[in-house]
């Protein structure tokens, strides 16, 4: 059963994912995003290092088709060992 949502689907939905700036961070986040949103264009991923370059912020705008899809994506990203925060 779908829970009520204020988002109309399909919708372009930006996700901000933050973690330690390690070489494999972006690739591993991309793999998770693509597993839930196969039409995501990897070239559209925005990357911003923190001022001290210790952390990396990634913005992925996915074409969300349902709340269930977004919930699953948030859950898997949040559980990933390299991910600190998902907004």
Protein backbone atom coordinates (compact mmCIF):
# COMPACT_ATOMS: atom_id res chain seq x y z
CA UNK A 1 0.00 0.00 0.00
CA UNK A 2 1.37 3.42 -0.94
CA UNK A 3 1.60 5.97 1.82
CA UNK A 4 0.39 9.53 1.21
CA UNK A 5 2.94 11.87 -0.35
CA UNK A 6 3.10 15.51 -1.38
CA UNK A 7 5.28 14.68 -4.37
CA UNK A 8 3.62 14.19 -7.74
CA UNK A 9 5.17 11.33 -9.71
CA UNK A 10 7.00 11.12 -12.00
CA UNK A 11 9.17 13.96 -10.75
CA UNK A 12 12.79 15.13 -10.98
CA UNK A 13 14.04 14.69 -7.41
CA UNK A 14 17.45 15.93 -6.22
CA UNK A 15 19.33 13.82 -3.70
CA UNK A 16 22.35 15.19 -1.84
CA UNK A 17 24.70 12.49 -0.61
CA UNK A 18 27.69 13.33 1.60
CA UNK A 19 30.61 11.17 2.64
CA UNK A 20 34.35 11.02 3.10
CA UNK A 21 36.32 12.12 0.05
CA UNK A 22 37.74 8.72 -0.86
CA UNK A 23 38.36 7.65 -4.49
CA UNK A 24 35.61 5.01 -4.58
CA UNK A 25 32.85 7.15 -2.98
CA UNK A 26 31.32 8.61 -6.17
CA UNK A 27 31.44 5.28 -8.05
CA UNK A 28 29.79 3.36 -5.22
CA UNK A 29 27.05 5.98 -4.77
CA UNK A 30 26.48 5.96 -8.54
CA UNK A 31 26.05 2.18 -8.52
CA UNK A 32 23.36 2.43 -5.82
CA UNK A 33 21.56 5.28 -7.62
CA UNK A 34 21.59 3.38 -10.93
CA UNK A 35 20.20 0.26 -9.27
CA UNK A 36 17.08 2.23 -8.30
CA UNK A 37 16.98 4.74 -11.17
CA UNK A 38 18.50 3.03 -14.23
CA UNK A 39 17.77 6.07 -16.43
CA UNK A 40 19.96 8.36 -14.28
CA UNK A 41 22.65 10.07 -16.38
CA UNK A 42 26.00 9.69 -14.55
CA UNK A 43 27.31 12.80 -16.33
CA UNK A 44 24.71 14.89 -14.49
CA UNK A 45 26.12 14.03 -11.03
CA UNK A 46 27.42 17.18 -9.35
CA UNK A 47 30.45 16.88 -7.04
CA UNK A 48 31.58 19.43 -4.47
CA UNK A 49 34.44 18.92 -2.03
CA UNK A 50 34.23 20.46 1.44
CA UNK A 51 36.47 23.44 2.19
CA UNK A 52 39.07 21.16 3.76
CA UNK A 53 38.59 18.50 1.06
CA UNK A 54 37.87 15.86 3.73
CA UNK A 55 34.29 15.33 2.57
CA UNK A 56 32.57 15.14 -0.80
CA UNK A 57 29.01 16.17 -1.55
CA UNK A 58 27.25 14.56 -4.51
CA UNK A 59 23.98 15.79 -5.99
CA UNK A 60 22.05 13.30 -8.10
CA UNK A 61 18.76 14.41 -9.63
CA UNK A 62 16.78 11.26 -10.39
CA UNK A 63 13.50 10.87 -12.27
CA UNK A 64 11.46 9.48 -9.38
CA UNK A 65 8.51 7.31 -10.36
CA UNK A 66 7.13 6.48 -6.89
CA UNK A 67 7.53 7.04 -3.17
CA UNK A 68 8.47 3.37 -2.84
CA UNK A 69 11.39 3.93 -5.24
CA UNK A 70 12.61 6.99 -3.31
CA UNK A 71 12.28 5.22 0.05
CA UNK A 72 14.30 2.24 -1.20
CA UNK A 73 16.97 4.55 -2.61
CA UNK A 74 17.24 6.56 0.64
CA UNK A 75 17.37 3.35 2.70
CA UNK A 76 20.16 1.77 0.66
CA UNK A 77 22.20 4.99 0.46
CA UNK A 78 21.82 5.67 4.20
CA UNK A 79 23.00 2.14 5.03
CA UNK A 80 26.09 2.38 2.80
CA UNK A 81 29.31 2.44 4.88
CA UNK A 82 30.85 5.34 2.89
CA UNK A 83 27.75 7.57 3.16
CA UNK A 84 27.48 9.98 6.11
CA UNK A 85 24.29 11.90 5.23
CA UNK A 86 21.51 11.70 2.62
CA UNK A 87 19.24 14.70 2.12
